[in-house]
C-alpha atoms as a PDB file:
ATOM      1  CA  UNK A   1      -3.238  49.521  72.087  1.00  0.00           C
ATOM      2  CA  UNK A   2      -0.007  47.791  71.145  1.00  0.00           C
ATOM      3  CA  UNK A   3      -0.592  44.052  70.658  1.00  0.00           C
ATOM      4  CA  UNK A   4       2.103  41.385  70.282  1.00  0.00           C
ATOM      5  CA  UNK A   5       1.175  38.164  68.443  1.00  0.00           C
ATOM      6  CA  UNK A   6       3.456  35.144  68.735  1.00  0.00           C
ATOM      7  CA  UNK A   7       2.111  32.473  66.380  1.00  0.00           C
ATOM      8  CA  UNK A   8       3.697  31.730  62.979  1.00  0.00           C
ATOM      9  CA  UNK A   9       2.817  34.380  60.388  1.00  0.00           C
ATOM     10  CA  UNK A  10       0.395  32.175  58.440  1.00  0.00           C
ATOM     11  CA  UNK A  11      -1.632  31.617  61.624  1.00  0.00           C
ATOM     12  CA  UNK A  12      -1.491  35.307  62.599  1.00  0.00           C
ATOM     13  CA  UNK A  13      -2.427  37.107  59.366  1.00  0.00           C
ATOM     14  CA  UNK A  14      -6.161  37.134  59.999  1.00  0.00           C
ATOM     15  CA  UNK A  15      -5.717  38.391  63.568  1.00  0.00           C
ATOM     16  CA  UNK A  16      -3.177  41.037  62.492  1.00  0.00           C
ATOM     17  CA  UNK A  17      -5.628  42.355  59.905  1.00  0.00           C
ATOM     18  CA  UNK A  18      -8.508  42.313  62.412  1.00  0.00           C
ATOM     19  CA  UNK A  19      -6.644  44.204  65.138  1.00  0.00           C
ATOM     20  CA  UNK A  20      -5.213  46.739  62.692  1.00  0.00           C
ATOM     21  CA  UNK A  21      -8.700  47.397  61.320  1.00  0.00           C
ATOM     22  CA  UNK A  22      -9.747  48.249  64.889  1.00  0.00           C
ATOM     23  CA  UNK A  23      -6.967  50.825  65.073  1.00  0.00           C
ATOM     24  CA  UNK A  24      -4.446  48.890  67.157  1.00  0.00           C
ATOM     25  CA  UNK A  25      -0.706  48.673  66.588  1.00  0.00           C
ATOM     26  CA  UNK A  26       0.308  45.036  66.019  1.00  0.00           C
ATOM     27  CA  UNK A  27       3.773  43.514  66.335  1.00  0.00           C
ATOM     28  CA  UNK A  28       4.612  39.964  65.311  1.00  0.00           C
ATOM     29  CA  UNK A  29       7.118  37.729  67.093  1.00  0.00           C
ATOM     30  CA  UNK A  30       6.975  34.154  65.730  1.00  0.00           C
ATOM     31  CA  UNK A  31       8.194  31.935  68.561  1.00  0.00           C
ATOM     32  CA  UNK A  32       7.986  28.592  66.762  1.00  0.00           C
ATOM     33  CA  UNK A  33       9.205  27.149  63.485  1.00  0.00           C
ATOM     34  CA  UNK A  34       6.830  24.532  62.076  1.00  0.00           C
ATOM     35  CA  UNK A  35       8.052  21.705  59.828  1.00  0.00           C
ATOM     36  CA  UNK A  36       6.378  18.590  58.524  1.00  0.00           C
ATOM     37  CA  UNK A  37       7.423  15.074  59.537  1.00  0.00           C
ATOM     38  CA  UNK A  38       7.140  12.035  57.281  1.00  0.00           C
ATOM     39  CA  UNK A  39       4.734   9.445  58.639  1.00  0.00           C
ATOM     40  CA  UNK A  40       3.826   5.898  57.745  1.00  0.00           C
ATOM     41  CA  UNK A  41       1.335   5.233  54.974  1.00  0.00           C
ATOM     42  CA  UNK A  42      -2.136   5.009  56.460  1.00  0.00           C
ATOM     43  CA  UNK A  43      -5.138   3.119  55.110  1.00  0.00           C
ATOM     44  CA  UNK A  44      -7.774   5.654  56.100  1.00  0.00           C
ATOM     45  CA  UNK A  45     -10.545   3.302  54.997  1.00  0.00           C
ATOM     46  CA  UNK A  46      -9.959   1.483  58.291  1.00  0.00           C
ATOM     47  CA  UNK A  47     -11.065   4.510  60.322  1.00  0.00           C
ATOM     48  CA  UNK A  48     -14.477   5.920  61.128  1.00  0.00           C
ATOM     49  CA  UNK A  49     -13.321   9.218  62.612  1.00  0.00           C
ATOM     50  CA  UNK A  50     -10.357  11.588  62.553  1.00  0.00           C
ATOM     51  CA  UNK A  51      -9.124  13.974  65.265  1.00  0.00           C
ATOM     52  CA  UNK A  52      -7.119  17.182  64.757  1.00  0.00           C
ATOM     53  CA  UNK A  53      -5.757  19.124  67.737  1.00  0.00           C
ATOM     54  CA  UNK A  54      -4.197  21.850  65.581  1.00  0.00           C
ATOM     55  CA  UNK A  55      -4.599  23.439  62.175  1.00  0.00           C
ATOM     56  CA  UNK A  56      -1.034  22.367  61.367  1.00  0.00           C
ATOM     57  CA  UNK A  57      -1.987  18.715  61.843  1.00  0.00           C
ATOM     58  CA  UNK A  58      -4.602  19.135  59.121  1.00  0.00           C
ATOM     59  CA  UNK A  59      -2.295  21.251  56.960  1.00  0.00           C
ATOM     60  CA  UNK A  60       0.486  18.648  56.816  1.00  0.00           C
ATOM     61  CA  UNK A  61      -1.776  15.640  56.283  1.00  0.00           C
ATOM     62  CA  UNK A  62      -2.053  14.112  52.822  1.00  0.00           C
ATOM     63  CA  UNK A  63      -5.831  14.059  52.488  1.00  0.00           C
ATOM     64  CA  UNK A  64      -6.170  12.851  48.885  1.00  0.00           C
ATOM     65  CA  UNK A  65      -7.160   9.306  49.903  1.00  0.00           C
ATOM     66  CA  UNK A  66      -9.402  10.274  52.817  1.00  0.00           C
ATOM     67  CA  UNK A  67     -13.194  10.190  52.659  1.00  0.00           C
ATOM     68  CA  UNK A  68     -14.081  13.813  53.440  1.00  0.00           C
ATOM     69  CA  UNK A  69     -17.383  12.675  54.968  1.00  0.00           C
ATOM     70  CA  UNK A  70     -15.416  11.000  57.764  1.00  0.00           C
ATOM     71  CA  UNK A  71     -16.481  12.324  61.174  1.00  0.00           C
ATOM     72  CA  UNK A  72     -13.869  14.989  61.917  1.00  0.00           C
ATOM     73  CA  UNK A  73     -13.227  16.264  65.452  1.00  0.00           C
ATOM     74  CA  UNK A  74     -11.392  19.608  65.684  1.00  0.00           C
ATOM     75  CA  UNK A  75      -9.980  21.286  68.777  1.00  0.00           C
ATOM     76  CA  UNK A  76     -11.098  24.780  67.781  1.00  0.00           C
ATOM     77  CA  UNK A  77     -12.479  27.098  65.130  1.00  0.00           C
ATOM     78  CA  UNK A  78      -9.159  27.701  63.358  1.00  0.00           C
ATOM     79  CA  UNK A  79      -8.567  23.951  63.111  1.00  0.00           C
ATOM     80  CA  UNK A  80     -12.109  23.374  61.857  1.00  0.00           C
ATOM     81  CA  UNK A  81     -11.674  26.135  59.282  1.00  0.00           C
ATOM     82  CA  UNK A  82      -8.503  24.457  58.004  1.00  0.00           C
ATOM     83  CA  UNK A  83     -10.177  21.024  57.923  1.00  0.00           C
ATOM     84  CA  UNK A  84     -13.131  22.412  55.986  1.00  0.00           C
ATOM     85  CA  UNK A  85     -10.790  24.112  53.518  1.00  0.00           C
ATOM     86  CA  UNK A  86      -9.382  20.637  52.819  1.00  0.00           C
ATOM     87  CA  UNK A  87     -12.864  19.309  52.094  1.00  0.00           C
ATOM     88  CA  UNK A  88     -13.964  17.741  55.399  1.00  0.00           C
ATOM     89  CA  UNK A  89     -17.740  18.091  55.641  1.00  0.00           C
ATOM     90  CA  UNK A  90     -18.714  16.402  58.900  1.00  0.00           C
ATOM     91  CA  UNK A  91     -16.848  18.478  61.493  1.00  0.00           C
ATOM     92  CA  UNK A  92     -17.362  18.949  65.219  1.00  0.00           C
ATOM     93  CA  UNK A  93     -15.389  21.597  67.093  1.00  0.00           C
ATOM     94  CA  UNK A  94     -14.524  22.020  70.764  1.00  0.00           C
ATOM     95  CA  UNK A  95     -13.818  25.768  70.923  1.00  0.00           C
ATOM     96  CA  UNK A  96     -10.063  25.421  71.471  1.00  0.00           C
ATOM     97  CA  UNK A  97      -9.900  23.078  74.457  1.00  0.00           C
ATOM     98  CA  UNK A  98      -8.543  19.500  74.288  1.00  0.00           C
ATOM     99  CA  UNK A  99     -10.434  18.459  77.414  1.00  0.00           C
ATOM    100  CA  UNK A 100     -13.682  19.650  75.840  1.00  0.00           C
ATOM    101  CA  UNK A 101     -12.679  17.854  72.646  1.00  0.00           C
ATOM    102  CA  UNK A 102     -12.390  14.591  74.571  1.00  0.00           C
ATOM    103  CA  UNK A 103     -15.898  15.075  75.977  1.00  0.00           C
ATOM    104  CA  UNK A 104     -17.277  15.765  72.499  1.00  0.00           C
ATOM    105  CA  UNK A 105     -15.711  12.551  71.221  1.00  0.00           C
ATOM    106  CA  UNK A 106     -17.209  10.586  74.121  1.00  0.00           C
ATOM    107  CA  UNK A 107     -20.626  12.101  73.385  1.00  0.00           C
ATOM    108  CA  UNK A 108     -20.579  11.806  69.599  1.00  0.00           C
ATOM    109  CA  UNK A 109     -18.579   8.697  68.769  1.00  0.00           C
ATOM    110  CA  UNK A 110     -19.525   5.262  70.129  1.00  0.00           C
ATOM    111  CA  UNK A 111     -16.352   3.318  70.860  1.00  0.00           C
ATOM    112  CA  UNK A 112     -17.980   0.256  69.285  1.00  0.00           C
ATOM    113  CA  UNK A 113     -18.424   2.042  65.949  1.00  0.00           C
ATOM    114  CA  UNK A 114     -14.829   1.537  64.814  1.00  0.00           C
ATOM    115  CA  UNK A 115     -11.346   3.023  64.900  1.00  0.00           C
ATOM    116  CA  UNK A 116     -10.265   6.626  65.339  1.00  0.00           C
ATOM    117  CA  UNK A 117      -7.114   8.227  63.980  1.00  0.00           C
ATOM    118  CA  UNK A 118      -5.550  11.139  65.858  1.00  0.00           C
ATOM    119  CA  UNK A 119      -3.260  13.475  63.888  1.00  0.00           C
ATOM    120  CA  UNK A 120      -1.010  15.789  65.903  1.00  0.00           C
ATOM    121  CA  UNK A 121       2.329  17.474  66.308  1.00  0.00           C
ATOM    122  CA  UNK A 122       5.309  15.942  68.058  1.00  0.00           C
ATOM    123  CA  UNK A 123       4.675  17.945  71.240  1.00  0.00           C
ATOM    124  CA  UNK A 124       1.215  17.838  72.825  1.00  0.00           C
ATOM    125  CA  UNK A 125      -0.040  19.201  76.134  1.00  0.00           C
ATOM    126  CA  UNK A 126      -2.497  16.366  76.809  1.00  0.00           C
ATOM    127  CA  UNK A 127      -2.162  12.696  75.797  1.00  0.00           C
ATOM    128  CA  UNK A 128      -5.611  12.580  74.234  1.00  0.00           C
ATOM    129  CA  UNK A 129      -5.000   9.213  72.564  1.00  0.00           C
ATOM    130  CA  UNK A 130      -3.965   7.578  75.861  1.00  0.00           C
ATOM    131  CA  UNK A 131      -6.994   9.012  77.623  1.00  0.00           C
ATOM    132  CA  UNK A 132      -9.313   7.668  74.940  1.00  0.00           C
ATOM    133  CA  UNK A 133      -7.581   4.283  75.055  1.00  0.00           C
ATOM    134  CA  UNK A 134      -8.427   4.127  78.762  1.00  0.00           C
ATOM    135  CA  UNK A 135     -12.052   4.801  77.820  1.00  0.00           C
ATOM    136  CA  UNK A 136     -11.981   1.726  75.592  1.00  0.00           C
ATOM    137  CA  UNK A 137     -11.519   3.417  72.210  1.00  0.00           C
ATOM    138  CA  UNK A 138      -9.491   1.918  69.385  1.00  0.00           C
ATOM    139  CA  UNK A 139      -7.308   4.880  68.416  1.00  0.00           C
ATOM    140  CA  UNK A 140      -4.069   5.390  66.545  1.00  0.00           C
ATOM    141  CA  UNK A 141      -1.940   8.536  66.766  1.00  0.00           C
ATOM    142  CA  UNK A 142       0.233   9.745  63.909  1.00  0.00           C
ATOM    143  CA  UNK A 143       2.677  12.639  64.182  1.00  0.00           C
ATOM    144  CA  UNK A 144       3.052  14.729  61.050  1.00  0.00           C
ATOM    145  CA  UNK A 145       4.818  17.920  62.188  1.00  0.00           C
ATOM    146  CA  UNK A 146       7.132  19.334  64.814  1.00  0.00           C
ATOM    147  CA  UNK A 147       7.439  22.798  66.318  1.00  0.00           C
ATOM    148  CA  UNK A 148      10.888  24.041  67.320  1.00  0.00           C
ATOM    149  CA  UNK A 149      11.834  27.266  69.060  1.00  0.00           C
ATOM    150  CA  UNK A 150      12.729  30.140  66.786  1.00  0.00           C
ATOM    151  CA  UNK A 151      16.197  31.373  67.741  1.00  0.00           C
ATOM    152  CA  UNK A 152      16.690  34.047  65.066  1.00  0.00           C
ATOM    153  CA  UNK A 153      15.184  37.456  65.773  1.00  0.00           C
ATOM    154  CA  UNK A 154      15.717  40.781  64.045  1.00  0.00           C
ATOM    155  CA  UNK A 155      17.826  43.114  66.177  1.00  0.00           C
ATOM    156  CA  UNK A 156      15.904  46.161  64.953  1.00  0.00           C
ATOM    157  CA  UNK A 157      12.673  44.515  66.075  1.00  0.00           C
ATOM    158  CA  UNK A 158      14.152  43.990  69.548  1.00  0.00           C
ATOM    159  CA  UNK A 159      15.145  47.673  69.780  1.00  0.00           C
ATOM    160  CA  UNK A 160      11.686  48.807  68.708  1.00  0.00           C
ATOM    161  CA  UNK A 161      10.062  46.424  71.176  1.00  0.00           C
ATOM    162  CA  UNK A 162      12.168  47.754  74.059  1.00  0.00           C
ATOM    163  CA  UNK A 163      11.214  51.325  73.178  1.00  0.00           C
ATOM    164  CA  UNK A 164       7.489  50.517  72.900  1.00  0.00           C
ATOM    165  CA  UNK A 165       6.506  47.510  74.999  1.00  0.00           C
ATOM    166  CA  UNK A 166       3.145  45.928  74.132  1.00  0.00           C
ATOM    167  CA  UNK A 167      -0.008  46.361  76.182  1.00  0.00           C
ATOM    168  CA  UNK A 168      -1.029  42.787  75.388  1.00  0.00           C
ATOM    169  CA  UNK A 169       0.780  39.625  74.319  1.00  0.00           C
ATOM    170  CA  UNK A 170      -0.958  36.409  73.214  1.00  0.00           C
ATOM    171  CA  UNK A 171       0.723  33.026  73.834  1.00  0.00           C
ATOM    172  CA  UNK A 172      -0.931  29.900  72.446  1.00  0.00           C
ATOM    173  CA  UNK A 173       0.894  26.851  73.816  1.00  0.00           C
ATOM    174  CA  UNK A 174       3.295  25.565  76.443  1.00  0.00           C
ATOM    175  CA  UNK A 175       5.935  25.186  73.751  1.00  0.00           C
ATOM    176  CA  UNK A 176       5.438  28.818  72.721  1.00  0.00           C
ATOM    177  CA  UNK A 177       5.605  29.919  76.364  1.00  0.00           C
ATOM    178  CA  UNK A 178       8.938  28.124  76.796  1.00  0.00           C
ATOM    179  CA  UNK A 179      10.227  29.805  73.640  1.00  0.00           C
ATOM    180  CA  UNK A 180       8.970  33.184  74.831  1.00  0.00           C
ATOM    181  CA  UNK A 181      10.703  32.807  78.209  1.00  0.00           C
ATOM    182  CA  UNK A 182      13.920  31.886  76.422  1.00  0.00           C
ATOM    183  CA  UNK A 183      13.557  34.934  74.176  1.00  0.00           C
ATOM    184  CA  UNK A 184      12.971  37.223  77.179  1.00  0.00           C
ATOM    185  CA  UNK A 185      16.069  35.933  78.954  1.00  0.00           C
ATOM    186  CA  UNK A 186      18.367  35.986  75.917  1.00  0.00           C
ATOM    187  CA  UNK A 187      17.575  39.653  75.305  1.00  0.00           C
ATOM    188  CA  UNK A 188      17.434  40.559  79.013  1.00  0.00           C
ATOM    189  CA  UNK A 189      13.864  41.797  78.894  1.00  0.00           C
ATOM    190  CA  UNK A 190      12.790  40.362  82.263  1.00  0.00           C
ATOM    191  CA  UNK A 191      11.942  43.691  83.910  1.00  0.00           C
ATOM    192  CA  UNK A 192      10.072  45.317  81.023  1.00  0.00           C
ATOM    193  CA  UNK A 193       6.672  43.580  81.153  1.00  0.00           C
ATOM    194  CA  UNK A 194       5.060  45.105  84.251  1.00  0.00           C
ATOM    195  CA  UNK A 195       2.599  47.116  82.141  1.00  0.00           C
ATOM    196  CA  UNK A 196       1.844  44.239  79.743  1.00  0.00           C
ATOM    197  CA  UNK A 197      -1.174  41.944  80.013  1.00  0.00           C
ATOM    198  CA  UNK A 198      -0.316  38.301  79.283  1.00  0.00           C
ATOM    199  CA  UNK A 199      -2.984  36.266  77.483  1.00  0.00           C
ATOM    200  CA  UNK A 200      -2.415  32.497  77.622  1.00  0.00           C
ATOM    201  CA  UNK A 201      -4.240  29.370  76.569  1.00  0.00           C
ATOM    202  CA  UNK A 202      -4.491  27.378  79.782  1.00  0.00           C
ATOM    203  CA  UNK A 203      -2.859  27.510  83.197  1.00  0.00           C
ATOM    204  CA  UNK A 204      -0.018  25.206  82.178  1.00  0.00           C
ATOM    205  CA  UNK A 205       0.993  27.730  79.521  1.00  0.00           C
ATOM    206  CA  UNK A 206       0.785  30.724  81.849  1.00  0.00           C
ATOM    207  CA  UNK A 207       2.672  28.937  84.648  1.00  0.00           C
ATOM    208  CA  UNK A 208       5.788  28.770  82.468  1.00  0.00           C
ATOM    209  CA  UNK A 209       5.845  32.568  82.372  1.00  0.00           C
ATOM    210  CA  UNK A 210       4.935  33.196  86.021  1.00  0.00           C
ATOM    211  CA  UNK A 211       8.470  34.210  86.937  1.00  0.00           C
ATOM    212  CA  UNK A 212       8.059  37.344  84.817  1.00  0.00           C
ATOM    213  CA  UNK A 213       6.126  40.223  86.398  1.00  0.00           C
ATOM    214  CA  UNK A 214       3.067  41.037  84.285  1.00  0.00           C
ATOM    215  CA  UNK A 215       0.356  43.615  84.767  1.00  0.00           C
ATOM    216  CA  UNK A 216      -2.270  40.849  84.686  1.00  0.00           C
ATOM    217  CA  UNK A 217      -2.564  37.298  83.337  1.00  0.00           C
ATOM    218  CA  UNK A 218      -5.696  36.146  81.508  1.00  0.00           C
ATOM    219  CA  UNK A 219      -6.618  32.670  80.240  1.00  0.00           C
ATOM    220  CA  UNK A 220      -8.496  32.357  76.950  1.00  0.00           C
ATOM    221  CA  UNK A 221      -9.584  30.037  74.161  1.00  0.00           C
ATOM    222  CA  UNK A 222      -8.830  30.703  70.473  1.00  0.00           C
ATOM    223  CA  UNK A 223     -11.494  32.984  69.070  1.00  0.00           C
ATOM    224  CA  UNK A 224     -11.707  35.100  72.218  1.00  0.00           C
ATOM    225  CA  UNK A 225      -8.760  37.373  71.365  1.00  0.00           C
ATOM    226  CA  UNK A 226     -10.858  40.409  70.429  1.00  0.00           C
ATOM    227  CA  UNK A 227     -13.172  39.931  73.409  1.00  0.00           C
ATOM    228  CA  UNK A 228     -10.180  40.089  75.768  1.00  0.00           C
ATOM    229  CA  UNK A 229      -9.372  43.612  74.585  1.00  0.00           C
ATOM    230  CA  UNK A 230     -12.420  44.837  76.490  1.00  0.00           C
ATOM    231  CA  UNK A 231     -11.469  43.095  79.744  1.00  0.00           C
ATOM    232  CA  UNK A 232      -8.318  45.098  80.421  1.00  0.00           C
END
């Protein structure tokens, strides 16, 4: 099969290698540019737990002064893997779903035990910090990166894509979906996806792309990419 991956290259390398090893053709269309944002100096000794809702949040955090035994909540396996690579030992993961992550925090962190710090990008799909505040938690959010739409694409890539449309495309966020829709319209590709299966994280992400006619739309969590190959 021909598979199109849309995350930044660093986040796609493992999946590209995996799919190619299975004999699939893989194309890469990075929809977002990721850049770090300066944030205020934080005294991490004040906090009893840390929350990451993306691997990039962990990647762009200065962790030198953080106790790596701090309880660390991660939205999914890729985020947990990044956190562990930075030395965090006490990690809990929610299999790629922010709503599940909230439930894990409620189950595993008593709001009377101290403060939480939530590290995220500028754009988030769910206001996790506000939801936890309503539950009575003392939580602070810091923003340490932003994701902007990539607007520079190789013309040769576009020609090759038009001549060999993918069987599957994976889209990982609402922001990516918006960038993908923009890409489709700029290059007038609206009518070319009827034999392509769209794989999205969450209904909010897929709804952005509903105006395009797809073969089928599937919802998935990170880590299920290979499993989805056998559903189509």
